[in-house]
């Protein structure tokens, strides 16, 4: 694995940890990468260099409404065992 790919994976994991920590403290949050971060003008406006990668924006704030988790299939429908 290249150092660059490892750095991207580590940064992505760190972003997820921030979202988990925010949730544990009662904050709402989400991570997204708007198209403007991939455009030359958007990158220039934010000072993102040609050799840099933007992983997106983390949005955090107070919880506005309770969100129920989506319905999920039973675990038995997803798990298989090797003999």
PDB file of N, CA and C in Angstrom:
ATOM      1  N   UNK A   1       0.860  -1.181   0.000  1.00  0.00           N
ATOM      2  CA  UNK A   1       0.000   0.000   0.000  1.00  0.00           C
ATOM      3  C   UNK A   1       0.902   1.240   0.000  1.00  0.00           C
ATOM      4  N   UNK A   2       0.572   2.178  -0.813  1.00  0.00           N
ATOM      5  CA  UNK A   2       1.372   3.399  -0.871  1.00  0.00           C
ATOM      6  C   UNK A   2       1.114   4.258   0.366  1.00  0.00           C
ATOM      7  N   UNK A   3       2.080   5.103   0.677  1.00  0.00           N
ATOM      8  CA  UNK A   3       1.939   6.007   1.828  1.00  0.00           C
ATOM      9  C   UNK A   3       0.750   6.939   1.632  1.00  0.00           C
ATOM     10  N   UNK A   4       0.557   7.407   0.401  1.00  0.00           N
ATOM     11  CA  UNK A   4      -0.565   8.320   0.119  1.00  0.00           C
ATOM     12  C   UNK A   4      -1.908   7.650   0.383  1.00  0.00           C
ATOM     13  N   UNK A   5      -2.064   6.413  -0.068  1.00  0.00           N
ATOM     14  CA  UNK A   5      -3.311   5.699   0.162  1.00  0.00           C
ATOM     15  C   UNK A   5      -3.507   5.424   1.650  1.00  0.00           C
ATOM     16  N   UNK A   6      -2.447   5.064   2.332  1.00  0.00           N
ATOM     17  CA  UNK A   6      -2.546   4.829   3.777  1.00  0.00           C
ATOM     18  C   UNK A   6      -2.958   6.104   4.505  1.00  0.00           C
ATOM     19  N   UNK A   7      -2.409   7.241   4.096  1.00  0.00           N
ATOM     20  CA  UNK A   7      -2.780   8.524   4.708  1.00  0.00           C
ATOM     21  C   UNK A   7      -4.251   8.850   4.472  1.00  0.00           C
ATOM     22  N   UNK A   8      -4.745   8.576   3.268  1.00  0.00           N
ATOM     23  CA  UNK A   8      -6.154   8.829   2.952  1.00  0.00           C
ATOM     24  C   UNK A   8      -7.049   7.945   3.817  1.00  0.00           C
ATOM     25  N   UNK A   9      -6.683   6.680   3.946  1.00  0.00           N
ATOM     26  CA  UNK A   9      -7.481   5.755   4.765  1.00  0.00           C
ATOM     27  C   UNK A   9      -7.469   6.183   6.232  1.00  0.00           C
ATOM     28  N   UNK A  10      -6.315   6.589   6.733  1.00  0.00           N
ATOM     29  CA  UNK A  10      -6.214   7.028   8.129  1.00  0.00           C
ATOM     30  C   UNK A  10      -7.038   8.290   8.374  1.00  0.00           C
ATOM     31  N   UNK A  11      -6.980   9.226   7.432  1.00  0.00           N
ATOM     32  CA  UNK A  11      -7.759  10.460   7.578  1.00  0.00           C
ATOM     33  C   UNK A  11      -9.253  10.162   7.526  1.00  0.00           C
ATOM     34  N   UNK A  12      -9.661   9.247   6.664  1.00  0.00           N
ATOM     35  CA  UNK A  12     -11.070   8.862   6.576  1.00  0.00           C
ATOM     36  C   UNK A  12     -11.541   8.228   7.880  1.00  0.00           C
ATOM     37  N   UNK A  13     -10.709   7.366   8.465  1.00  0.00           N
ATOM     38  CA  UNK A  13     -11.053   6.754   9.755  1.00  0.00           C
ATOM     39  C   UNK A  13     -11.160   7.825  10.834  1.00  0.00           C
ATOM     40  N   UNK A  14     -10.275   8.809  10.805  1.00  0.00           N
ATOM     41  CA  UNK A  14     -10.311   9.887  11.797  1.00  0.00           C
ATOM     42  C   UNK A  14     -11.599  10.699  11.668  1.00  0.00           C
ATOM     43  N   UNK A  15     -12.029  10.948  10.434  1.00  0.00           N
ATOM     44  CA  UNK A  15     -13.285  11.674  10.221  1.00  0.00           C
ATOM     45  C   UNK A  15     -14.449  10.886  10.817  1.00  0.00           C
ATOM     46  N   UNK A  16     -14.457   9.591  10.593  1.00  0.00           N
ATOM     47  CA  UNK A  16     -15.524   8.757  11.136  1.00  0.00           C
ATOM     48  C   UNK A  16     -15.507   8.781  12.669  1.00  0.00           C
ATOM     49  N   UNK A  17     -14.327   8.773  13.259  1.00  0.00           N
ATOM     50  CA  UNK A  17     -14.212   8.840  14.723  1.00  0.00           C
ATOM     51  C   UNK A  17     -14.783  10.161  15.239  1.00  0.00           C
ATOM     52  N   UNK A  18     -14.514  11.254  14.528  1.00  0.00           N
ATOM     53  CA  UNK A  18     -15.080  12.553  14.923  1.00  0.00           C
ATOM     54  C   UNK A  18     -16.601  12.488  14.889  1.00  0.00           C
ATOM     55  N   UNK A  19     -17.167  11.877  13.849  1.00  0.00           N
ATOM     56  CA  UNK A  19     -18.625  11.758  13.759  1.00  0.00           C
ATOM     57  C   UNK A  19     -19.187  10.897  14.882  1.00  0.00           C
ATOM     58  N   UNK A  20     -18.510   9.799  15.214  1.00  0.00           N
ATOM     59  CA  UNK A  20     -18.958   8.949  16.328  1.00  0.00           C
ATOM     60  C   UNK A  20     -18.899   9.698  17.655  1.00  0.00           C
ATOM     61  N   UNK A  21     -17.827  10.434  17.875  1.00  0.00           N
ATOM     62  CA  UNK A  21     -17.681  11.197  19.118  1.00  0.00           C
ATOM     63  C   UNK A  21     -18.751  12.286  19.221  1.00  0.00           C
ATOM     64  N   UNK A  22     -19.027  12.951  18.110  1.00  0.00           N
ATOM     65  CA  UNK A  22     -20.066  13.986  18.099  1.00  0.00           C
ATOM     66  C   UNK A  22     -21.422  13.371  18.447  1.00  0.00           C
ATOM     67  N   UNK A  23     -21.718  12.219  17.851  1.00  0.00           N
ATOM     68  CA  UNK A  23     -22.984  11.534  18.132  1.00  0.00           C
ATOM     69  C   UNK A  23     -23.071  11.156  19.615  1.00  0.00           C
ATOM     70  N   UNK A  24     -21.979  10.683  20.182  1.00  0.00           N
ATOM     71  CA  UNK A  24     -21.958  10.293  21.596  1.00  0.00           C
ATOM     72  C   UNK A  24     -22.218  11.488  22.504  1.00  0.00           C
ATOM     73  N   UNK A  25     -21.937  12.674  22.018  1.00  0.00           N
ATOM     74  CA  UNK A  25     -22.160  13.889  22.813  1.00  0.00           C
ATOM     75  C   UNK A  25     -23.464  14.593  22.456  1.00  0.00           C
ATOM     76  N   UNK A  26     -24.306  13.900  21.668  1.00  0.00           N
ATOM     77  CA  UNK A  26     -25.625  14.434  21.354  1.00  0.00           C
ATOM     78  C   UNK A  26     -25.685  15.362  20.165  1.00  0.00           C
ATOM     79  N   UNK A  27     -24.621  15.427  19.389  1.00  0.00           N
ATOM     80  CA  UNK A  27     -24.634  16.275  18.207  1.00  0.00           C
ATOM     81  C   UNK A  27     -25.043  15.476  16.972  1.00  0.00           C
ATOM     82  N   UNK A  28     -25.645  16.149  16.042  1.00  0.00           N
ATOM     83  CA  UNK A  28     -25.931  15.547  14.746  1.00  0.00           C
ATOM     84  C   UNK A  28     -24.740  15.854  13.841  1.00  0.00           C
ATOM     85  N   UNK A  29     -24.511  14.992  12.892  1.00  0.00           N
ATOM     86  CA  UNK A  29     -23.405  15.262  11.987  1.00  0.00           C
ATOM     87  C   UNK A  29     -23.480  14.406  10.747  1.00  0.00           C
ATOM     88  N   UNK A  30     -22.855  14.887   9.698  1.00  0.00           N
ATOM     89  CA  UNK A  30     -22.705  14.083   8.497  1.00  0.00           C
ATOM     90  C   UNK A  30     -21.472  14.549   7.735  1.00  0.00           C
ATOM     91  N   UNK A  31     -21.008  13.684   6.868  1.00  0.00           N
ATOM     92  CA  UNK A  31     -19.793  13.904   6.096  1.00  0.00           C
ATOM     93  C   UNK A  31     -20.180  13.845   4.631  1.00  0.00           C
ATOM     94  N   UNK A  32     -19.815  14.854   3.889  1.00  0.00           N
ATOM     95  CA  UNK A  32     -20.102  14.836   2.462  1.00  0.00           C
ATOM     96  C   UNK A  32     -19.015  15.577   1.704  1.00  0.00           C
ATOM     97  N   UNK A  33     -18.934  15.292   0.433  1.00  0.00           N
ATOM     98  CA  UNK A  33     -17.956  15.935  -0.429  1.00  0.00           C
ATOM     99  C   UNK A  33     -18.704  16.633  -1.558  1.00  0.00           C
ATOM    100  N   UNK A  34     -18.961  17.934  -1.401  1.00  0.00           N
ATOM    101  CA  UNK A  34     -19.663  18.643  -2.465  1.00  0.00           C
ATOM    102  C   UNK A  34     -18.799  18.737  -3.725  1.00  0.00           C
ATOM    103  N   UNK A  35     -19.431  18.803  -4.868  1.00  0.00           N
ATOM    104  CA  UNK A  35     -18.729  18.833  -6.154  1.00  0.00           C
ATOM    105  C   UNK A  35     -17.752  20.000  -6.246  1.00  0.00           C
ATOM    106  N   UNK A  36     -18.055  21.094  -5.579  1.00  0.00           N
ATOM    107  CA  UNK A  36     -17.188  22.271  -5.654  1.00  0.00           C
ATOM    108  C   UNK A  36     -15.773  21.964  -5.146  1.00  0.00           C
ATOM    109  N   UNK A  37     -15.643  20.988  -4.257  1.00  0.00           N
ATOM    110  CA  UNK A  37     -14.316  20.630  -3.766  1.00  0.00           C
ATOM    111  C   UNK A  37     -13.482  19.908  -4.817  1.00  0.00           C
ATOM    112  N   UNK A  38     -14.120  19.468  -5.891  1.00  0.00           N
ATOM    113  CA  UNK A  38     -13.404  18.832  -6.988  1.00  0.00           C
ATOM    114  C   UNK A  38     -13.140  19.774  -8.149  1.00  0.00           C
ATOM    115  N   UNK A  39     -13.727  20.961  -8.086  1.00  0.00           N
ATOM    116  CA  UNK A  39     -13.540  21.913  -9.176  1.00  0.00           C
ATOM    117  C   UNK A  39     -12.281  22.748  -8.938  1.00  0.00           C
ATOM    118  N   UNK A  40     -11.680  23.185 -10.008  1.00  0.00           N
ATOM    119  CA  UNK A  40     -10.456  23.978  -9.919  1.00  0.00           C
ATOM    120  C   UNK A  40     -10.708  25.289  -9.161  1.00  0.00           C
ATOM    121  N   UNK A  41     -11.834  25.950  -9.463  1.00  0.00           N
ATOM    122  CA  UNK A  41     -12.129  27.232  -8.816  1.00  0.00           C
ATOM    123  C   UNK A  41     -12.450  27.052  -7.326  1.00  0.00           C
ATOM    124  N   UNK A  42     -13.178  26.000  -6.991  1.00  0.00           N
ATOM    125  CA  UNK A  42     -13.495  25.737  -5.587  1.00  0.00           C
ATOM    126  C   UNK A  42     -12.260  25.407  -4.776  1.00  0.00           C
ATOM    127  N   UNK A  43     -11.387  24.590  -5.344  1.00  0.00           N
ATOM    128  CA  UNK A  43     -10.138  24.228  -4.668  1.00  0.00           C
ATOM    129  C   UNK A  43      -9.264  25.461  -4.473  1.00  0.00           C
ATOM    130  N   UNK A  44      -9.206  26.325  -5.492  1.00  0.00           N
ATOM    131  CA  UNK A  44      -8.404  27.547  -5.397  1.00  0.00           C
ATOM    132  C   UNK A  44      -8.967  28.478  -4.316  1.00  0.00           C
ATOM    133  N   UNK A  45     -10.293  28.596  -4.257  1.00  0.00           N
ATOM    134  CA  UNK A  45     -10.927  29.471  -3.265  1.00  0.00           C
ATOM    135  C   UNK A  45     -10.623  29.026  -1.834  1.00  0.00           C
ATOM    136  N   UNK A  46     -10.466  27.731  -1.649  1.00  0.00           N
ATOM    137  CA  UNK A  46     -10.194  27.201  -0.308  1.00  0.00           C
ATOM    138  C   UNK A  46      -8.706  26.980  -0.046  1.00  0.00           C
ATOM    139  N   UNK A  47      -7.883  27.272  -1.033  1.00  0.00           N
ATOM    140  CA  UNK A  47      -6.446  27.107  -0.856  1.00  0.00           C
ATOM    141  C   UNK A  47      -5.997  25.654  -0.846  1.00  0.00           C
ATOM    142  N   UNK A  48      -6.742  24.790  -1.530  1.00  0.00           N
ATOM    143  CA  UNK A  48      -6.379  23.373  -1.615  1.00  0.00           C
ATOM    144  C   UNK A  48      -5.404  23.223  -2.782  1.00  0.00           C
ATOM    145  N   UNK A  49      -4.207  22.776  -2.486  1.00  0.00           N
ATOM    146  CA  UNK A  49      -3.160  22.670  -3.493  1.00  0.00           C
ATOM    147  C   UNK A  49      -3.424  21.584  -4.522  1.00  0.00           C
ATOM    148  N   UNK A  50      -2.719  21.683  -5.642  1.00  0.00           N
ATOM    149  CA  UNK A  50      -2.857  20.697  -6.725  1.00  0.00           C
ATOM    150  C   UNK A  50      -2.492  19.293  -6.259  1.00  0.00           C
ATOM    151  N   UNK A  51      -1.578  19.207  -5.309  1.00  0.00           N
ATOM    152  CA  UNK A  51      -1.096  17.906  -4.836  1.00  0.00           C
ATOM    153  C   UNK A  51      -1.856  17.404  -3.609  1.00  0.00           C
ATOM    154  N   UNK A  52      -2.915  18.105  -3.225  1.00  0.00           N
ATOM    155  CA  UNK A  52      -3.688  17.737  -2.044  1.00  0.00           C
ATOM    156  C   UNK A  52      -5.019  17.104  -2.431  1.00  0.00           C
ATOM    157  N   UNK A  53      -5.547  16.290  -1.532  1.00  0.00           N
ATOM    158  CA  UNK A  53      -6.841  15.644  -1.731  1.00  0.00           C
ATOM    159  C   UNK A  53      -7.792  16.153  -0.655  1.00  0.00           C
ATOM    160  N   UNK A  54      -8.986  16.529  -1.071  1.00  0.00           N
ATOM    161  CA  UNK A  54     -10.010  16.938  -0.116  1.00  0.00           C
ATOM    162  C   UNK A  54     -10.942  15.758   0.125  1.00  0.00           C
ATOM    163  N   UNK A  55     -11.076  15.361   1.374  1.00  0.00           N
ATOM    164  CA  UNK A  55     -11.952  14.236   1.703  1.00  0.00           C
ATOM    165  C   UNK A  55     -13.378  14.679   1.977  1.00  0.00           C
ATOM    166  N   UNK A  56     -13.620  15.969   2.050  1.00  0.00           N
ATOM    167  CA  UNK A  56     -14.978  16.448   2.216  1.00  0.00           C
ATOM    168  C   UNK A  56     -15.121  17.398   3.382  1.00  0.00           C
ATOM    169  N   UNK A  57     -16.350  17.655   3.724  1.00  0.00           N
ATOM    170  CA  UNK A  57     -16.705  18.542   4.828  1.00  0.00           C
ATOM    171  C   UNK A  57     -17.433  17.743   5.901  1.00  0.00           C
ATOM    172  N   UNK A  58     -17.148  18.069   7.144  1.00  0.00           N
ATOM    173  CA  UNK A  58     -17.865  17.455   8.264  1.00  0.00           C
ATOM    174  C   UNK A  58     -18.821  18.513   8.796  1.00  0.00           C
ATOM    175  N   UNK A  59     -20.088  18.194   8.801  1.00  0.00           N
ATOM    176  CA  UNK A  59     -21.110  19.109   9.322  1.00  0.00           C
ATOM    177  C   UNK A  59     -21.523  18.611  10.707  1.00  0.00           C
ATOM    178  N   UNK A  60     -21.420  19.473  11.711  1.00  0.00           N
ATOM    179  CA  UNK A  60     -21.818  19.125  13.078  1.00  0.00           C
ATOM    180  C   UNK A  60     -22.733  20.215  13.616  1.00  0.00           C
ATOM    181  N   UNK A  61     -23.694  19.810  14.433  1.00  0.00           N
ATOM    182  CA  UNK A  61     -24.581  20.794  15.040  1.00  0.00           C
ATOM    183  C   UNK A  61     -25.572  20.126  15.964  1.00  0.00           C
ATOM    184  N   UNK A  62     -26.427  20.934  16.567  1.00  0.00           N
ATOM    185  CA  UNK A  62     -27.419  20.368  17.480  1.00  0.00           C
ATOM    186  C   UNK A  62     -28.402  19.479  16.724  1.00  0.00           C
ATOM    187  N   UNK A  63     -28.881  18.468  17.416  1.00  0.00           N
ATOM    188  CA  UNK A  63     -29.857  17.550  16.844  1.00  0.00           C
ATOM    189  C   UNK A  63     -31.183  18.284  16.671  1.00  0.00           C
ATOM    190  N   UNK A  64     -31.738  18.244  15.464  1.00  0.00           N
ATOM    191  CA  UNK A  64     -32.998  18.929  15.191  1.00  0.00           C
ATOM    192  C   UNK A  64     -34.197  18.001  15.319  1.00  0.00           C
ATOM    193  N   UNK A  65     -33.996  16.746  14.962  1.00  0.00           N
ATOM    194  CA  UNK A  65     -35.081  15.770  15.051  1.00  0.00           C
ATOM    195  C   UNK A  65     -34.489  14.392  15.240  1.00  0.00           C
ATOM    196  N   UNK A  66     -35.211  13.543  15.887  1.00  0.00           N
ATOM    197  CA  UNK A  66     -34.789  12.157  16.108  1.00  0.00           C
ATOM    198  C   UNK A  66     -34.944  11.387  14.811  1.00  0.00           C
ATOM    199  N   UNK A  67     -33.933  10.649  14.440  1.00  0.00           N
ATOM    200  CA  UNK A  67     -33.983   9.819  13.238  1.00  0.00           C
ATOM    201  C   UNK A  67     -33.983   8.356  13.651  1.00  0.00           C
ATOM    202  N   UNK A  68     -34.998   7.627  13.206  1.00  0.00           N
ATOM    203  CA  UNK A  68     -35.044   6.197  13.494  1.00  0.00           C
ATOM    204  C   UNK A  68     -34.127   5.476  12.517  1.00  0.00           C
ATOM    205  N   UNK A  69     -33.393   4.467  12.984  1.00  0.00           N
ATOM    206  CA  UNK A  69     -32.558   3.706  12.045  1.00  0.00           C
ATOM    207  C   UNK A  69     -33.426   2.962  11.045  1.00  0.00           C
ATOM    208  N   UNK A  70     -32.917   2.741   9.838  1.00  0.00           N
ATOM    209  CA  UNK A  70     -33.722   2.030   8.832  1.00  0.00           C
ATOM    210  C   UNK A  70     -33.958   0.575   9.237  1.00  0.00           C
ATOM    211  N   UNK A  71     -35.029   0.009   8.719  1.00  0.00           N
ATOM    212  CA  UNK A  71     -35.324  -1.406   8.988  1.00  0.00           C
ATOM    213  C   UNK A  71     -34.198  -2.262   8.417  1.00  0.00           C
ATOM    214  N   UNK A  72     -33.837  -3.301   9.151  1.00  0.00           N
ATOM    215  CA  UNK A  72     -32.754  -4.176   8.710  1.00  0.00           C
ATOM    216  C   UNK A  72     -33.213  -5.617   8.697  1.00  0.00           C
ATOM    217  N   UNK A  73     -32.592  -6.374   7.821  1.00  0.00           N
ATOM    218  CA  UNK A  73     -32.902  -7.800   7.759  1.00  0.00           C
ATOM    219  C   UNK A  73     -32.334  -8.500   8.990  1.00  0.00           C
ATOM    220  N   UNK A  74     -32.889  -9.662   9.274  1.00  0.00           N
ATOM    221  CA  UNK A  74     -32.391 -10.470  10.381  1.00  0.00           C
ATOM    222  C   UNK A  74     -30.957 -10.888  10.089  1.00  0.00           C
ATOM    223  N   UNK A  75     -30.161 -11.009  11.121  1.00  0.00           N
ATOM    224  CA  UNK A  75     -28.759 -11.399  10.963  1.00  0.00           C
ATOM    225  C   UNK A  75     -28.627 -12.730  10.237  1.00  0.00           C
ATOM    226  N   UNK A  76     -29.502 -13.667  10.526  1.00  0.00           N
ATOM    227  CA  UNK A  76     -29.441 -14.997   9.899  1.00  0.00           C
ATOM    228  C   UNK A  76     -29.542 -14.913   8.379  1.00  0.00           C
ATOM    229  N   UNK A  77     -30.203 -13.899   7.860  1.00  0.00           N
ATOM    230  CA  UNK A  77     -30.331 -13.756   6.416  1.00  0.00           C
ATOM    231  C   UNK A  77     -29.028 -13.270   5.773  1.00  0.00           C
ATOM    232  N   UNK A  78     -28.103 -12.765   6.574  1.00  0.00           N
ATOM    233  CA  UNK A  78     -26.865 -12.204   6.043  1.00  0.00           C
ATOM    234  C   UNK A  78     -25.625 -13.040   6.348  1.00  0.00           C
ATOM    235  N   UNK A  79     -25.714 -13.905   7.352  1.00  0.00           N
ATOM    236  CA  UNK A  79     -24.550 -14.639   7.822  1.00  0.00           C
ATOM    237  C   UNK A  79     -24.499 -16.032   7.190  1.00  0.00           C
ATOM    238  N   UNK A  80     -23.318 -16.413   6.771  1.00  0.00           N
ATOM    239  CA  UNK A  80     -23.119 -17.792   6.312  1.00  0.00           C
ATOM    240  C   UNK A  80     -21.868 -18.326   7.008  1.00  0.00           C
ATOM    241  N   UNK A  81     -21.829 -19.602   7.211  1.00  0.00           N
ATOM    242  CA  UNK A  81     -20.730 -20.249   7.928  1.00  0.00           C
ATOM    243  C   UNK A  81     -19.976 -21.192   7.018  1.00  0.00           C
ATOM    244  N   UNK A  82     -18.676 -21.238   7.179  1.00  0.00           N
ATOM    245  CA  UNK A  82     -17.851 -22.179   6.446  1.00  0.00           C
ATOM    246  C   UNK A  82     -17.685 -23.436   7.282  1.00  0.00           C
ATOM    247  N   UNK A  83     -17.817 -24.576   6.668  1.00  0.00           N
ATOM    248  CA  UNK A  83     -17.636 -25.838   7.397  1.00  0.00           C
ATOM    249  C   UNK A  83     -16.184 -26.271   7.369  1.00  0.00           C
TER     250      UNK A  83
END
